[in-house]
Amino acid sequence: MQTTKKYTTWESLPDTLTAQHIAEFLGISRRRVYELFQRQVEHGGIPHFSIGTSKRVEKSDFKKWIVRLKEKSEVNQ
């Protein structure tokens, strides 16, 4: 049985995201998301905050992060 992604549009994402939300939205593994949490934002890392040991990302910060990556990609082409 094939499962479909629950989070496929901006509107489907909650205001505060988990690594699972981001992984489903981007089509990457949760492990990769956690690797991106480890990077500094200036070096392509996802901006986040911690609640205990859990990592969370504001939807607006995630959207800005994607825009920055796209702009950086366009400059390097």
N, C-alpha and C. Protein backbone atom coordinates (compact mmCIF):
# COMPACT_ATOMS: atom_id res chain seq x y z
N MET A 1 0.83 -1.18 0.00
CA MET A 1 0.00 0.00 0.00
C MET A 1 0.88 1.25 0.00
N GLN A 2 0.64 2.14 -0.92
CA GLN A 2 1.46 3.35 -1.04
C GLN A 2 0.83 4.48 -0.23
N THR A 3 1.69 5.20 0.51
CA THR A 3 1.19 6.34 1.26
C THR A 3 1.47 7.61 0.47
N THR A 4 0.59 8.58 0.62
CA THR A 4 0.79 9.85 -0.06
C THR A 4 1.29 10.88 0.93
N LYS A 5 2.00 11.88 0.42
CA LYS A 5 2.51 12.92 1.29
C LYS A 5 1.34 13.78 1.78
N LYS A 6 1.34 14.03 3.05
CA LYS A 6 0.30 14.85 3.65
C LYS A 6 0.61 16.34 3.47
N TYR A 7 1.88 16.68 3.49
CA TYR A 7 2.28 18.09 3.43
C TYR A 7 2.90 18.38 2.07
N THR A 8 2.08 18.83 1.14
CA THR A 8 2.54 19.06 -0.22
C THR A 8 2.40 20.51 -0.66
N THR A 9 1.69 21.32 0.11
CA THR A 9 1.52 22.74 -0.23
C THR A 9 1.82 23.58 1.01
N TRP A 10 2.09 24.87 0.78
CA TRP A 10 2.34 25.77 1.91
C TRP A 10 1.14 25.80 2.84
N GLU A 11 -0.04 25.77 2.26
CA GLU A 11 -1.27 25.85 3.06
C GLU A 11 -1.46 24.62 3.95
N SER A 12 -0.92 23.48 3.51
CA SER A 12 -1.09 22.25 4.29
C SER A 12 -0.13 22.18 5.48
N LEU A 13 0.90 23.01 5.47
CA LEU A 13 1.88 23.00 6.56
C LEU A 13 1.35 23.76 7.77
N PRO A 14 1.60 23.24 8.98
CA PRO A 14 1.24 23.99 10.18
C PRO A 14 2.18 25.19 10.36
N ASP A 15 1.85 26.09 11.27
CA ASP A 15 2.66 27.28 11.50
C ASP A 15 4.02 26.95 12.13
N THR A 16 4.07 25.90 12.92
CA THR A 16 5.32 25.44 13.52
C THR A 16 5.60 24.04 12.99
N LEU A 17 6.78 23.88 12.38
CA LEU A 17 7.11 22.65 11.68
C LEU A 17 8.06 21.76 12.47
N THR A 18 7.91 20.46 12.27
CA THR A 18 8.85 19.48 12.81
C THR A 18 9.74 19.01 11.66
N ALA A 19 10.75 18.23 12.00
CA ALA A 19 11.61 17.64 10.97
C ALA A 19 10.79 16.77 10.02
N GLN A 20 9.79 16.08 10.55
CA GLN A 20 8.94 15.23 9.71
C GLN A 20 8.16 16.05 8.70
N HIS A 21 7.59 17.17 9.12
CA HIS A 21 6.87 18.06 8.19
C HIS A 21 7.79 18.49 7.05
N ILE A 22 8.99 18.94 7.41
CA ILE A 22 9.95 19.44 6.42
C ILE A 22 10.38 18.31 5.48
N ALA A 23 10.65 17.15 6.04
CA ALA A 23 11.06 16.01 5.23
C ALA A 23 9.98 15.64 4.21
N GLU A 24 8.74 15.58 4.65
CA GLU A 24 7.64 15.24 3.74
C GLU A 24 7.48 16.31 2.67
N PHE A 25 7.56 17.57 3.06
CA PHE A 25 7.37 18.67 2.12
C PHE A 25 8.46 18.69 1.05
N LEU A 26 9.72 18.50 1.47
CA LEU A 26 10.85 18.56 0.54
C LEU A 26 11.15 17.23 -0.15
N GLY A 27 10.57 16.15 0.36
CA GLY A 27 10.83 14.84 -0.21
C GLY A 27 12.22 14.34 0.11
N ILE A 28 12.70 14.65 1.31
CA ILE A 28 14.00 14.18 1.77
C ILE A 28 13.81 13.44 3.09
N SER A 29 14.87 12.81 3.57
CA SER A 29 14.76 12.05 4.82
C SER A 29 14.79 12.99 6.04
N ARG A 30 14.22 12.50 7.14
CA ARG A 30 14.31 13.25 8.39
C ARG A 30 15.76 13.39 8.81
N ARG A 31 16.54 12.38 8.55
CA ARG A 31 17.97 12.43 8.90
C ARG A 31 18.64 13.61 8.21
N ARG A 32 18.33 13.81 6.94
CA ARG A 32 18.90 14.95 6.18
C ARG A 32 18.43 16.27 6.79
N VAL A 33 17.19 16.34 7.21
CA VAL A 33 16.69 17.57 7.85
C VAL A 33 17.50 17.85 9.12
N TYR A 34 17.73 16.83 9.93
CA TYR A 34 18.51 17.02 11.14
C TYR A 34 19.96 17.43 10.82
N GLU A 35 20.50 16.92 9.72
CA GLU A 35 21.83 17.36 9.29
C GLU A 35 21.80 18.85 8.94
N LEU A 36 20.73 19.30 8.30
CA LEU A 36 20.60 20.72 7.97
C LEU A 36 20.41 21.58 9.22
N PHE A 37 19.79 21.02 10.26
CA PHE A 37 19.68 21.73 11.53
C PHE A 37 21.06 21.95 12.15
N GLN A 38 21.99 21.04 11.90
CA GLN A 38 23.33 21.13 12.48
C GLN A 38 24.17 22.23 11.84
N ARG A 39 23.88 22.57 10.60
CA ARG A 39 24.64 23.61 9.89
C ARG A 39 24.23 24.99 10.39
N GLN A 40 25.17 25.91 10.32
CA GLN A 40 24.85 27.30 10.61
C GLN A 40 23.98 27.83 9.48
N VAL A 41 23.07 28.72 9.81
CA VAL A 41 22.15 29.28 8.82
C VAL A 41 22.92 29.93 7.67
N GLU A 42 24.02 30.60 7.99
CA GLU A 42 24.83 31.27 6.97
C GLU A 42 25.41 30.28 5.96
N HIS A 43 25.46 29.01 6.34
CA HIS A 43 26.04 27.98 5.48
C HIS A 43 24.97 27.01 4.97
N GLY A 44 23.74 27.48 4.89
CA GLY A 44 22.67 26.67 4.32
C GLY A 44 21.83 25.90 5.31
N GLY A 45 22.09 26.08 6.59
CA GLY A 45 21.31 25.38 7.61
C GLY A 45 19.91 25.95 7.76
N ILE A 46 19.00 25.12 8.21
CA ILE A 46 17.62 25.55 8.42
C ILE A 46 17.53 26.26 9.77
N PRO A 47 16.99 27.49 9.79
CA PRO A 47 16.82 28.19 11.07
C PRO A 47 15.77 27.46 11.92
N HIS A 48 16.09 27.24 13.18
CA HIS A 48 15.18 26.48 14.05
C HIS A 48 15.35 26.93 15.50
N PHE A 49 14.47 26.41 16.33
CA PHE A 49 14.60 26.62 17.77
C PHE A 49 14.30 25.29 18.45
N SER A 50 14.74 25.18 19.69
CA SER A 50 14.57 23.92 20.43
C SER A 50 13.53 24.06 21.52
N ILE A 51 12.78 23.00 21.69
CA ILE A 51 11.90 22.84 22.84
C ILE A 51 12.37 21.54 23.49
N GLY A 52 13.18 21.67 24.51
CA GLY A 52 13.82 20.49 25.07
C GLY A 52 14.78 19.93 24.04
N THR A 53 14.61 18.67 23.69
CA THR A 53 15.46 18.07 22.67
C THR A 53 14.81 18.12 21.28
N SER A 54 13.57 18.59 21.21
CA SER A 54 12.87 18.68 19.92
C SER A 54 13.24 19.96 19.19
N LYS A 55 13.36 19.85 17.89
CA LYS A 55 13.65 21.00 17.04
C LYS A 55 12.36 21.42 16.35
N ARG A 56 12.15 22.73 16.25
CA ARG A 56 10.97 23.27 15.57
C ARG A 56 11.40 24.41 14.67
N VAL A 57 10.61 24.65 13.63
CA VAL A 57 10.89 25.69 12.65
C VAL A 57 9.60 26.48 12.41
N GLU A 58 9.70 27.78 12.48
CA GLU A 58 8.55 28.62 12.12
C GLU A 58 8.35 28.52 10.60
N LYS A 59 7.12 28.37 10.19
CA LYS A 59 6.80 28.25 8.77
C LYS A 59 7.35 29.44 7.97
N SER A 60 7.24 30.63 8.52
CA SER A 60 7.74 31.83 7.82
C SER A 60 9.26 31.77 7.65
N ASP A 61 9.99 31.27 8.65
CA ASP A 61 11.45 31.14 8.55
C ASP A 61 11.82 30.09 7.50
N PHE A 62 11.04 29.01 7.45
CA PHE A 62 11.28 27.95 6.47
C PHE A 62 11.10 28.48 5.06
N LYS A 63 10.06 29.27 4.88
CA LYS A 63 9.79 29.85 3.55
C LYS A 63 10.93 30.79 3.15
N LYS A 64 11.41 31.62 4.07
CA LYS A 64 12.53 32.53 3.80
C LYS A 64 13.79 31.74 3.47
N TRP A 65 14.01 30.64 4.17
CA TRP A 65 15.17 29.78 3.93
C TRP A 65 15.16 29.26 2.49
N ILE A 66 14.01 28.80 2.03
CA ILE A 66 13.88 28.29 0.66
C ILE A 66 14.14 29.41 -0.34
N VAL A 67 13.60 30.60 -0.09
CA VAL A 67 13.82 31.74 -0.99
C VAL A 67 15.30 32.06 -1.08
N ARG A 68 16.01 32.07 0.06
CA ARG A 68 17.46 32.34 0.06
C ARG A 68 18.22 31.29 -0.74
N LEU A 69 17.85 30.03 -0.59
CA LEU A 69 18.52 28.96 -1.35
C LEU A 69 18.30 29.14 -2.84
N LYS A 70 17.09 29.50 -3.22
CA LYS A 70 16.79 29.71 -4.64
C LYS A 70 17.58 30.90 -5.19
N GLU A 71 17.65 31.99 -4.41
CA GLU A 71 18.41 33.17 -4.86
C GLU A 71 19.89 32.83 -5.00
N LYS A 72 20.42 32.09 -4.05
CA LYS A 72 21.83 31.69 -4.08
C LYS A 72 22.09 30.80 -5.30
N SER A 73 21.18 29.92 -5.59
CA SER A 73 21.30 29.01 -6.73
C SER A 73 21.29 29.79 -8.05
N GLU A 74 20.43 30.80 -8.13
CA GLU A 74 20.35 31.62 -9.34
C GLU A 74 21.62 32.42 -9.58
N VAL A 75 22.24 32.92 -8.51
CA VAL A 75 23.48 33.68 -8.60
C VAL A 75 24.61 32.79 -9.08
N ASN A 76 24.62 31.54 -8.64
CA ASN A 76 25.70 30.61 -8.99
C ASN A 76 25.54 29.97 -10.36
N GLN A 77 24.46 30.25 -11.05
CA GLN A 77 24.27 29.64 -12.38
C GLN A 77 24.96 30.40 -13.46
